[in-house]
Amino acid sequence: MLRSMTAFARQEQSSPWGTLIWELRSVNHRYLETAVRLPEALRGVESLIRERLAAVLSRGKVDCTLKLQTAGAGLTAMTLNRPLVERLLGIAGEVEHLIGPGTGLRLGDVLRWPGVINEAEPDLDEIKQILLGSLDAALAELVATREREGQRTAELLQQRCEAIRAQVRRARARRPEVQARWRDKLLSRLADIATDADSGRLEQELVLVAQRLDVEEELDRLDAHLDELQEVFARSEPVGRRLDFLMQELNREANTLSSKASDAETTRAAVELKVLIEQMREQIQNIE
């Protein structure tokens, strides 16, 4: 099954610390490249997240973002440093006694003082299982999207494979007529300029010309590459690189066919082949 490299997934998961929100975006890339963005307090699980991504994805540029919305849940994790507050108020009283009344600390000043409010960091051991379970769900959604996009691309590729086969049949059907026409033309010219020529040598020259104009080998290889494409489409592992290689091989045979074409109909078939192959190549760039 073909997989696209372009997809998006989003998962939300409630936890004692708030709501975990995963967002995964992937686009095509030659290799697997991951960018992980986490809240500072959760940086300790980044290596595990990268392992999860690499276990499921083989190619693509993937942006993986985790947001933690505490929305009230974080308030339960805050504690007041009472000794520090009492000390601050005592100092404020001493200052006010020295410089006069009206200069005491306000509530906002006390609360903003470093260390007055202690906010507990999330316990990674407790949050890790919820976090990774939610990531697995997001990855499953991402893979499902990739597979749906890949299926649509596979249908388009199949249509173009059939169109290429039709052009190969078109070129093959022209071979007998093209060969007969060139043989008659050569014999007519040789009759005009070489009445005393050795018949054996003339036959050799005819064979050499026929070999230079013969496209049967190119047409056979085009059919073989198309058969290989069908086999690759059915594989379960990532096949993007192999498909790209097969596009190069198809294009090489189409170019050779074009250079050997000795009539307008075969030339048009070769040009159409190259157009179809280029369309397939562009679509395959996005296959994992």
C-alpha atoms as a PDB file:
ATOM      1  CA  MET A   1       0.000   0.000   0.000  1.00  0.00           C
ATOM      2  CA  LEU A   2       1.353   3.401  -0.987  1.00  0.00           C
ATOM      3  CA  ARG A   3       1.627   6.120   1.658  1.00  0.00           C
ATOM      4  CA  SER A   4       1.761   9.822   1.006  1.00  0.00           C
ATOM      5  CA  MET A   5       4.255  11.921   2.957  1.00  0.00           C
ATOM      6  CA  THR A   6       1.799  14.830   3.327  1.00  0.00           C
ATOM      7  CA  ALA A   7      -0.570  14.602   6.289  1.00  0.00           C
ATOM      8  CA  PHE A   8      -1.803  16.282   9.479  1.00  0.00           C
ATOM      9  CA  ALA A   9      -3.040  14.841  12.775  1.00  0.00           C
ATOM     10  CA  ARG A  10      -4.284  16.337  16.053  1.00  0.00           C
ATOM     11  CA  GLN A  11      -5.048  14.603  19.339  1.00  0.00           C
ATOM     12  CA  GLU A  12      -6.253  15.952  22.688  1.00  0.00           C
ATOM     13  CA  GLN A  13      -5.876  14.025  25.940  1.00  0.00           C
ATOM     14  CA  SER A  14      -7.037  15.063  29.412  1.00  0.00           C
ATOM     15  CA  SER A  15      -4.661  14.497  32.310  1.00  0.00           C
ATOM     16  CA  PRO A  16      -4.379  15.528  35.990  1.00  0.00           C
ATOM     17  CA  TRP A  17      -2.141  18.402  34.865  1.00  0.00           C
ATOM     18  CA  GLY A  18      -4.462  19.750  32.176  1.00  0.00           C
ATOM     19  CA  THR A  19      -5.050  18.995  28.492  1.00  0.00           C
ATOM     20  CA  LEU A  20      -2.309  17.544  26.286  1.00  0.00           C
ATOM     21  CA  ILE A  21      -2.595  18.577  22.628  1.00  0.00           C
ATOM     22  CA  TRP A  22      -0.481  16.872  19.969  1.00  0.00           C
ATOM     23  CA  GLU A  23      -0.183  18.328  16.470  1.00  0.00           C
ATOM     24  CA  LEU A  24       1.728  16.391  13.787  1.00  0.00           C
ATOM     25  CA  ARG A  25       2.435  17.789  10.318  1.00  0.00           C
ATOM     26  CA  SER A  26       4.425  15.997   7.632  1.00  0.00           C
ATOM     27  CA  VAL A  27       5.522  16.904   4.114  1.00  0.00           C
ATOM     28  CA  ASN A  28       7.697  15.159   1.550  1.00  0.00           C
ATOM     29  CA  HIS A  29      11.432  14.865   2.176  1.00  0.00           C
ATOM     30  CA  ARG A  30      14.182  12.615   0.903  1.00  0.00           C
ATOM     31  CA  TYR A  31      14.816  11.170   4.368  1.00  0.00           C
ATOM     32  CA  LEU A  32      13.094  11.251   7.771  1.00  0.00           C
ATOM     33  CA  GLU A  33      13.599  14.625   9.452  1.00  0.00           C
ATOM     34  CA  THR A  34      11.800  15.345  12.724  1.00  0.00           C
ATOM     35  CA  ALA A  35      11.379  18.610  14.622  1.00  0.00           C
ATOM     36  CA  VAL A  36       9.990  18.158  18.158  1.00  0.00           C
ATOM     37  CA  ARG A  37       8.587  21.100  20.134  1.00  0.00           C
ATOM     38  CA  LEU A  38       7.728  20.496  23.805  1.00  0.00           C
ATOM     39  CA  PRO A  39       6.988  22.553  26.919  1.00  0.00           C
ATOM     40  CA  GLU A  40      10.235  23.146  28.767  1.00  0.00           C
ATOM     41  CA  ALA A  41       9.153  20.969  31.693  1.00  0.00           C
ATOM     42  CA  LEU A  42       8.695  17.951  29.382  1.00  0.00           C
ATOM     43  CA  ARG A  43      12.001  18.068  27.521  1.00  0.00           C
ATOM     44  CA  GLY A  44      13.071  14.901  29.301  1.00  0.00           C
ATOM     45  CA  VAL A  45      10.872  12.719  27.067  1.00  0.00           C
ATOM     46  CA  GLU A  46      12.066  14.135  23.725  1.00  0.00           C
ATOM     47  CA  SER A  47      14.297  11.131  22.947  1.00  0.00           C
ATOM     48  CA  LEU A  48      11.362   8.740  23.529  1.00  0.00           C
ATOM     49  CA  ILE A  49       9.182  10.795  21.197  1.00  0.00           C
ATOM     50  CA  ARG A  50      11.793  10.693  18.429  1.00  0.00           C
ATOM     51  CA  GLU A  51      12.040   6.915  18.835  1.00  0.00           C
ATOM     52  CA  ARG A  52       8.250   6.634  18.469  1.00  0.00           C
ATOM     53  CA  LEU A  53       8.303   8.708  15.278  1.00  0.00           C
ATOM     54  CA  ALA A  54      11.182   6.742  13.737  1.00  0.00           C
ATOM     55  CA  ALA A  55       9.480   3.421  14.518  1.00  0.00           C
ATOM     56  CA  VAL A  56       6.402   4.340  12.463  1.00  0.00           C
ATOM     57  CA  LEU A  57       7.672   6.705   9.753  1.00  0.00           C
ATOM     58  CA  SER A  58      10.544   6.160   7.320  1.00  0.00           C
ATOM     59  CA  ARG A  59      10.519   9.330   5.211  1.00  0.00           C
ATOM     60  CA  GLY A  60       9.184  12.874   5.379  1.00  0.00           C
ATOM     61  CA  LYS A  61       9.776  16.117   7.224  1.00  0.00           C
ATOM     62  CA  VAL A  62       7.695  15.884  10.398  1.00  0.00           C
ATOM     63  CA  ASP A  63       6.839  18.717  12.795  1.00  0.00           C
ATOM     64  CA  CYS A  64       5.740  17.315  16.156  1.00  0.00           C
ATOM     65  CA  THR A  65       4.322  19.841  18.645  1.00  0.00           C
ATOM     66  CA  LEU A  66       2.964  19.228  22.161  1.00  0.00           C
ATOM     67  CA  LYS A  67       0.953  21.882  24.000  1.00  0.00           C
ATOM     68  CA  LEU A  68      -0.018  21.612  27.668  1.00  0.00           C
ATOM     69  CA  GLN A  69      -3.042  23.678  28.705  1.00  0.00           C
ATOM     70  CA  THR A  70      -3.187  23.733  32.511  1.00  0.00           C
ATOM     71  CA  ALA A  71      -6.384  25.883  32.713  1.00  0.00           C
ATOM     72  CA  GLY A  72      -6.893  25.704  36.466  1.00  0.00           C
ATOM     73  CA  ALA A  73      -5.348  22.326  37.053  1.00  0.00           C
ATOM     74  CA  GLY A  74      -2.000  24.007  37.581  1.00  0.00           C
ATOM     75  CA  LEU A  75      -3.348  26.015  40.524  1.00  0.00           C
ATOM     76  CA  THR A  76      -3.448  22.905  42.686  1.00  0.00           C
ATOM     77  CA  ALA A  77       0.254  22.455  42.154  1.00  0.00           C
ATOM     78  CA  MET A  78       1.117  25.932  43.547  1.00  0.00           C
ATOM     79  CA  THR A  79       2.306  26.394  47.152  1.00  0.00           C
ATOM     80  CA  LEU A  80       2.991  29.500  49.183  1.00  0.00           C
ATOM     81  CA  ASN A  81       6.428  29.998  50.722  1.00  0.00           C
ATOM     82  CA  ARG A  82       5.036  31.314  54.020  1.00  0.00           C
ATOM     83  CA  PRO A  83       8.379  31.890  55.803  1.00  0.00           C
ATOM     84  CA  LEU A  84       9.587  34.001  52.888  1.00  0.00           C
ATOM     85  CA  VAL A  85       6.380  36.086  52.880  1.00  0.00           C
ATOM     86  CA  GLU A  86       6.680  36.714  56.631  1.00  0.00           C
ATOM     87  CA  ARG A  87      10.300  37.724  56.191  1.00  0.00           C
ATOM     88  CA  LEU A  88       9.406  40.132  53.341  1.00  0.00           C
ATOM     89  CA  LEU A  89       6.697  41.747  55.428  1.00  0.00           C
ATOM     90  CA  GLY A  90       9.109  42.137  58.324  1.00  0.00           C
ATOM     91  CA  ILE A  91      11.671  43.820  56.074  1.00  0.00           C
ATOM     92  CA  ALA A  92       8.942  46.067  54.658  1.00  0.00           C
ATOM     93  CA  GLY A  93       8.072  47.143  58.219  1.00  0.00           C
ATOM     94  CA  GLU A  94      11.692  47.971  58.997  1.00  0.00           C
ATOM     95  CA  VAL A  95      12.040  50.028  55.788  1.00  0.00           C
ATOM     96  CA  GLU A  96       8.812  51.883  56.513  1.00  0.00           C
ATOM     97  CA  HIS A  97      10.076  52.678  60.027  1.00  0.00           C
ATOM     98  CA  LEU A  98      13.308  54.130  58.560  1.00  0.00           C
ATOM     99  CA  ILE A  99      11.907  56.246  55.697  1.00  0.00           C
ATOM    100  CA  GLY A 100       8.378  56.959  56.834  1.00  0.00           C
ATOM    101  CA  PRO A 101       4.885  55.491  56.335  1.00  0.00           C
ATOM    102  CA  GLY A 102       3.269  54.807  52.930  1.00  0.00           C
ATOM    103  CA  THR A 103       6.152  52.825  51.439  1.00  0.00           C
ATOM    104  CA  GLY A 104       5.135  49.324  52.485  1.00  0.00           C
ATOM    105  CA  LEU A 105       4.990  46.323  50.128  1.00  0.00           C
ATOM    106  CA  ARG A 106       1.744  45.771  48.256  1.00  0.00           C
ATOM    107  CA  LEU A 107       0.199  42.347  47.719  1.00  0.00           C
ATOM    108  CA  GLY A 108       1.244  42.306  44.069  1.00  0.00           C
ATOM    109  CA  ASP A 109       4.828  43.087  45.028  1.00  0.00           C
ATOM    110  CA  VAL A 110       4.878  40.168  47.444  1.00  0.00           C
ATOM    111  CA  LEU A 111       3.393  37.683  44.968  1.00  0.00           C
ATOM    112  CA  ARG A 112       5.868  38.674  42.227  1.00  0.00           C
ATOM    113  CA  TRP A 113       8.876  38.212  44.487  1.00  0.00           C
ATOM    114  CA  PRO A 114      11.024  35.263  43.274  1.00  0.00           C
ATOM    115  CA  GLY A 115      10.380  32.175  45.366  1.00  0.00           C
ATOM    116  CA  VAL A 116       7.142  33.320  47.030  1.00  0.00           C
ATOM    117  CA  ILE A 117       4.986  31.088  44.823  1.00  0.00           C
ATOM    118  CA  ASN A 118       6.388  27.630  44.150  1.00  0.00           C
ATOM    119  CA  GLU A 119       4.852  25.819  41.156  1.00  0.00           C
ATOM    120  CA  ALA A 120       5.527  22.115  41.181  1.00  0.00           C
ATOM    121  CA  GLU A 121       7.009  20.644  38.018  1.00  0.00           C
ATOM    122  CA  PRO A 122       5.086  17.743  36.451  1.00  0.00           C
ATOM    123  CA  ASP A 123       6.297  14.319  37.514  1.00  0.00           C
ATOM    124  CA  LEU A 124       7.660  12.863  34.259  1.00  0.00           C
ATOM    125  CA  ASP A 125       7.204   9.299  35.425  1.00  0.00           C
ATOM    126  CA  GLU A 126       3.487   9.918  36.012  1.00  0.00           C
ATOM    127  CA  ILE A 127       2.822  11.940  32.875  1.00  0.00           C
ATOM    128  CA  LYS A 128       4.961   9.910  30.468  1.00  0.00           C
ATOM    129  CA  GLN A 129       2.482   7.091  29.896  1.00  0.00           C
ATOM    130  CA  ILE A 130      -0.398   9.476  29.172  1.00  0.00           C
ATOM    131  CA  LEU A 131       1.801  11.610  26.949  1.00  0.00           C
ATOM    132  CA  LEU A 132       3.160   8.692  24.898  1.00  0.00           C
ATOM    133  CA  GLY A 133      -0.240   7.027  24.634  1.00  0.00           C
ATOM    134  CA  SER A 134      -1.678  10.221  23.199  1.00  0.00           C
ATOM    135  CA  LEU A 135       1.274  10.471  20.795  1.00  0.00           C
ATOM    136  CA  ASP A 136       0.612   6.919  19.576  1.00  0.00           C
ATOM    137  CA  ALA A 137      -2.989   7.875  18.825  1.00  0.00           C
ATOM    138  CA  ALA A 138      -1.824  10.950  16.891  1.00  0.00           C
ATOM    139  CA  LEU A 139       0.674   8.852  14.943  1.00  0.00           C
ATOM    140  CA  ALA A 140      -2.026   6.311  14.068  1.00  0.00           C
ATOM    141  CA  GLU A 141      -4.186   9.157  12.737  1.00  0.00           C
ATOM    142  CA  LEU A 142      -1.229  10.548  10.757  1.00  0.00           C
ATOM    143  CA  VAL A 143      -0.477   7.148   9.196  1.00  0.00           C
ATOM    144  CA  ALA A 144      -4.147   6.616   8.318  1.00  0.00           C
ATOM    145  CA  THR A 145      -4.210   9.986   6.562  1.00  0.00           C
ATOM    146  CA  ARG A 146      -1.011   9.133   4.711  1.00  0.00           C
ATOM    147  CA  GLU A 147      -2.519   5.849   3.563  1.00  0.00           C
ATOM    148  CA  ARG A 148      -5.702   7.515   2.319  1.00  0.00           C
ATOM    149  CA  GLU A 149      -3.687  10.067   0.363  1.00  0.00           C
ATOM    150  CA  GLY A 150      -1.434   7.276  -0.903  1.00  0.00           C
ATOM    151  CA  GLN A 151      -4.442   5.295  -2.126  1.00  0.00           C
ATOM    152  CA  ARG A 152      -5.682   8.260  -4.139  1.00  0.00           C
ATOM    153  CA  THR A 153      -2.208   8.714  -5.624  1.00  0.00           C
ATOM    154  CA  ALA A 154      -2.030   4.990  -6.446  1.00  0.00           C
ATOM    155  CA  GLU A 155      -5.263   5.255  -8.434  1.00  0.00           C
ATOM    156  CA  LEU A 156      -3.834   8.130 -10.473  1.00  0.00           C
ATOM    157  CA  LEU A 157      -0.590   6.217 -11.046  1.00  0.00           C
ATOM    158  CA  GLN A 158      -2.540   3.167 -12.211  1.00  0.00           C
ATOM    159  CA  GLN A 159      -4.408   5.286 -14.739  1.00  0.00           C
ATOM    160  CA  ARG A 160      -1.147   6.604 -16.142  1.00  0.00           C
ATOM    161  CA  CYS A 161       0.357   3.112 -16.255  1.00  0.00           C
ATOM    162  CA  GLU A 162      -2.555   2.032 -18.444  1.00  0.00           C
ATOM    163  CA  ALA A 163      -2.058   5.101 -20.625  1.00  0.00           C
ATOM    164  CA  ILE A 164       1.635   4.209 -21.020  1.00  0.00           C
ATOM    165  CA  ARG A 165       0.745   0.633 -21.996  1.00  0.00           C
ATOM    166  CA  ALA A 166      -1.613   2.013 -24.629  1.00  0.00           C
ATOM    167  CA  GLN A 167       1.221   4.101 -26.120  1.00  0.00           C
ATOM    168  CA  VAL A 168       3.537   1.067 -26.104  1.00  0.00           C
ATOM    169  CA  ARG A 169       0.900  -0.951 -27.977  1.00  0.00           C
ATOM    170  CA  ARG A 170       0.514   1.925 -30.407  1.00  0.00           C
ATOM    171  CA  ALA A 171       4.254   2.016 -31.140  1.00  0.00           C
ATOM    172  CA  ARG A 172       4.481  -1.783 -31.419  1.00  0.00           C
ATOM    173  CA  ALA A 173       1.598  -1.911 -33.895  1.00  0.00           C
ATOM    174  CA  ARG A 174       3.519   0.449 -36.162  1.00  0.00           C
ATOM    175  CA  ARG A 175       6.659  -1.726 -36.332  1.00  0.00           C
ATOM    176  CA  PRO A 176       5.749  -4.050 -39.261  1.00  0.00           C
ATOM    177  CA  GLU A 177       4.653  -1.175 -41.493  1.00  0.00           C
ATOM    178  CA  VAL A 178       7.671   0.972 -40.582  1.00  0.00           C
ATOM    179  CA  GLN A 179      10.119  -1.875 -41.211  1.00  0.00           C
ATOM    180  CA  ALA A 180       8.521  -2.764 -44.569  1.00  0.00           C
ATOM    181  CA  ARG A 181       8.516   0.870 -45.701  1.00  0.00           C
ATOM    182  CA  TRP A 182      12.179   1.393 -44.811  1.00  0.00           C
ATOM    183  CA  ARG A 183      13.208  -1.873 -46.459  1.00  0.00           C
ATOM    184  CA  ASP A 184      11.472  -0.883 -49.702  1.00  0.00           C
ATOM    185  CA  LYS A 185      13.000   2.586 -49.557  1.00  0.00           C
ATOM    186  CA  LEU A 186      16.520   1.253 -49.018  1.00  0.00           C
ATOM    187  CA  LEU A 187      16.212  -1.332 -51.741  1.00  0.00           C
ATOM    188  CA  SER A 188      14.979   1.330 -54.168  1.00  0.00           C
ATOM    189  CA  ARG A 189      17.902   3.619 -53.371  1.00  0.00           C
ATOM    190  CA  LEU A 190      20.426   0.832 -53.586  1.00  0.00           C
ATOM    191  CA  ALA A 191      19.030  -0.226 -56.951  1.00  0.00           C
ATOM    192  CA  ASP A 192      19.657   3.270 -58.245  1.00  0.00           C
ATOM    193  CA  ILE A 193      23.245   3.689 -56.980  1.00  0.00           C
ATOM    194  CA  ALA A 194      24.716   0.222 -56.647  1.00  0.00           C
ATOM    195  CA  THR A 195      23.686  -1.980 -59.596  1.00  0.00           C
ATOM    196  CA  ASP A 196      26.971  -3.877 -59.436  1.00  0.00           C
ATOM    197  CA  ALA A 197      27.173  -4.082 -55.635  1.00  0.00           C
ATOM    198  CA  ASP A 198      27.696  -7.398 -53.901  1.00  0.00           C
ATOM    199  CA  SER A 199      24.305  -8.796 -52.864  1.00  0.00           C
ATOM    200  CA  GLY A 200      25.769 -10.207 -49.615  1.00  0.00           C
ATOM    201  CA  ARG A 201      27.158  -6.830 -48.646  1.00  0.00           C
ATOM    202  CA  LEU A 202      23.837  -5.161 -49.419  1.00  0.00           C
ATOM    203  CA  GLU A 203      22.034  -7.623 -47.185  1.00  0.00           C
ATOM    204  CA  GLN A 204      24.459  -6.859 -44.342  1.00  0.00           C
ATOM    205  CA  GLU A 205      23.802  -3.144 -44.724  1.00  0.00           C
ATOM    206  CA  LEU A 206      20.075  -3.768 -44.605  1.00  0.00           C
ATOM    207  CA  VAL A 207      20.479  -5.751 -41.398  1.00  0.00           C
ATOM    208  CA  LEU A 208      22.532  -2.941 -39.782  1.00  0.00           C
ATOM    209  CA  VAL A 209      19.957  -0.313 -40.723  1.00  0.00           C
ATOM    210  CA  ALA A 210      17.140  -2.512 -39.424  1.00  0.00           C
ATOM    211  CA  GLN A 211      18.954  -2.917 -36.095  1.00  0.00           C
ATOM    212  CA  ARG A 212      19.407   0.833 -35.717  1.00  0.00           C
ATOM    213  CA  LEU A 213      15.717   1.425 -36.374  1.00  0.00           C
ATOM    214  CA  ASP A 214      14.339  -1.523 -34.396  1.00  0.00           C
ATOM    215  CA  VAL A 215      12.559  -0.477 -31.160  1.00  0.00           C
ATOM    216  CA  GLU A 216      11.298  -3.884 -30.033  1.00  0.00           C
ATOM    217  CA  GLU A 217      13.855  -4.097 -27.221  1.00  0.00           C
ATOM    218  CA  GLU A 218      12.830  -0.687 -25.846  1.00  0.00           C
ATOM    219  CA  LEU A 219       9.154  -1.603 -26.017  1.00  0.00           C
ATOM    220  CA  ASP A 220       9.825  -4.895 -24.206  1.00  0.00           C
ATOM    221  CA  ARG A 221      11.701  -3.082 -21.448  1.00  0.00           C
ATOM    222  CA  LEU A 222       8.890  -0.556 -21.072  1.00  0.00           C
ATOM    223  CA  ASP A 223       6.452  -3.440 -20.580  1.00  0.00           C
ATOM    224  CA  ALA A 224       8.805  -5.059 -18.060  1.00  0.00           C
ATOM    225  CA  HIS A 225       9.119  -1.845 -16.042  1.00  0.00           C
ATOM    226  CA  LEU A 226       5.343  -1.431 -16.003  1.00  0.00           C
ATOM    227  CA  ASP A 227       4.983  -5.003 -14.695  1.00  0.00           C
ATOM    228  CA  GLU A 228       7.529  -4.170 -11.989  1.00  0.00           C
ATOM    229  CA  LEU A 229       5.513  -1.090 -11.031  1.00  0.00           C
ATOM    230  CA  GLN A 230       2.428  -3.231 -10.461  1.00  0.00           C
ATOM    231  CA  GLU A 231       4.406  -5.518  -8.176  1.00  0.00           C
ATOM    232  CA  VAL A 232       5.842  -2.564  -6.223  1.00  0.00           C
ATOM    233  CA  PHE A 233       2.398  -0.977  -5.772  1.00  0.00           C
ATOM    234  CA  ALA A 234       1.286  -4.098  -3.884  1.00  0.00           C
ATOM    235  CA  ARG A 235       4.141  -4.051  -1.352  1.00  0.00           C
ATOM    236  CA  SER A 236       3.478  -3.092   2.259  1.00  0.00           C
ATOM    237  CA  GLU A 237       6.839  -1.424   2.987  1.00  0.00           C
ATOM    238  CA  PRO A 238       7.796   2.127   1.876  1.00  0.00           C
ATOM    239  CA  VAL A 239       8.524   2.073  -1.875  1.00  0.00           C
ATOM    240  CA  GLY A 240       8.976   5.737  -2.814  1.00  0.00           C
ATOM    241  CA  ARG A 241      12.677   5.449  -3.660  1.00  0.00           C
ATOM    242  CA  ARG A 242      12.145   2.322  -5.780  1.00  0.00           C
ATOM    243  CA  LEU A 243       9.325   3.978  -7.674  1.00  0.00           C
ATOM    244  CA  ASP A 244      11.547   6.972  -8.348  1.00  0.00           C
ATOM    245  CA  PHE A 245      14.225   4.649  -9.763  1.00  0.00           C
ATOM    246  CA  LEU A 246      11.663   2.953 -12.027  1.00  0.00           C
ATOM    247  CA  MET A 247      10.601   6.371 -13.334  1.00  0.00           C
ATOM    248  CA  GLN A 248      14.214   6.991 -14.364  1.00  0.00           C
ATOM    249  CA  GLU A 249      14.298   3.674 -16.185  1.00  0.00           C
ATOM    250  CA  LEU A 250      11.006   4.331 -17.970  1.00  0.00           C
ATOM    251  CA  ASN A 251      12.187   7.767 -19.016  1.00  0.00           C
ATOM    252  CA  ARG A 252      15.440   6.311 -20.380  1.00  0.00           C
ATOM    253  CA  GLU A 253      13.554   3.847 -22.595  1.00  0.00           C
ATOM    254  CA  ALA A 254      11.145   6.559 -23.767  1.00  0.00           C
ATOM    255  CA  ASN A 255      14.096   8.759 -24.776  1.00  0.00           C
ATOM    256  CA  THR A 256      15.697   5.893 -26.716  1.00  0.00           C
ATOM    257  CA  LEU A 257      12.400   5.145 -28.432  1.00  0.00           C
ATOM    258  CA  SER A 258      12.119   8.786 -29.421  1.00  0.00           C
ATOM    259  CA  SER A 259      15.647   8.858 -30.868  1.00  0.00           C
ATOM    260  CA  LYS A 260      15.021   5.682 -32.894  1.00  0.00           C
ATOM    261  CA  ALA A 261      11.549   6.671 -34.112  1.00  0.00           C
ATOM    262  CA  SER A 262      11.465   6.760 -37.895  1.00  0.00           C
ATOM    263  CA  ASP A 263       7.873   7.855 -38.432  1.00  0.00           C
ATOM    264  CA  ALA A 264       5.625  10.574 -37.057  1.00  0.00           C
ATOM    265  CA  GLU A 265       3.222   8.197 -35.329  1.00  0.00           C
ATOM    266  CA  THR A 266       5.970   6.523 -33.274  1.00  0.00           C
ATOM    267  CA  THR A 267       7.452   9.927 -32.453  1.00  0.00           C
ATOM    268  CA  ARG A 268       4.092  11.126 -31.113  1.00  0.00           C
ATOM    269  CA  ALA A 269       3.788   7.964 -29.005  1.00  0.00           C
ATOM    270  CA  ALA A 270       7.273   8.563 -27.553  1.00  0.00           C
ATOM    271  CA  VAL A 271       6.449  12.176 -26.687  1.00  0.00           C
ATOM    272  CA  GLU A 272       3.213  11.120 -24.991  1.00  0.00           C
ATOM    273  CA  LEU A 273       5.163   8.504 -23.039  1.00  0.00           C
ATOM    274  CA  LYS A 274       7.543  11.136 -21.695  1.00  0.00           C
ATOM    275  CA  VAL A 275       4.658  13.396 -20.674  1.00  0.00           C
ATOM    276  CA  LEU A 276       2.945  10.566 -18.775  1.00  0.00           C
ATOM    277  CA  ILE A 277       6.177   9.469 -17.098  1.00  0.00           C
ATOM    278  CA  GLU A 278       6.900  13.030 -15.949  1.00  0.00           C
ATOM    279  CA  GLN A 279       3.399  13.278 -14.461  1.00  0.00           C
ATOM    280  CA  MET A 280       3.990  10.034 -12.571  1.00  0.00           C
ATOM    281  CA  ARG A 281       7.404  11.191 -11.388  1.00  0.00           C
ATOM    282  CA  GLU A 282       5.928  14.365  -9.872  1.00  0.00           C
ATOM    283  CA  GLN A 283       3.309  12.361  -7.961  1.00  0.00           C
ATOM    284  CA  ILE A 284       5.857   9.803  -6.770  1.00  0.00           C
ATOM    285  CA  GLN A 285       7.959  12.540  -5.149  1.00  0.00           C
ATOM    286  CA  ASN A 286       5.331  12.603  -2.405  1.00  0.00           C
ATOM    287  CA  ILE A 287       5.282   8.820  -1.798  1.00  0.00           C
ATOM    288  CA  GLU A 288       6.963   7.514   1.373  1.00  0.00           C
END
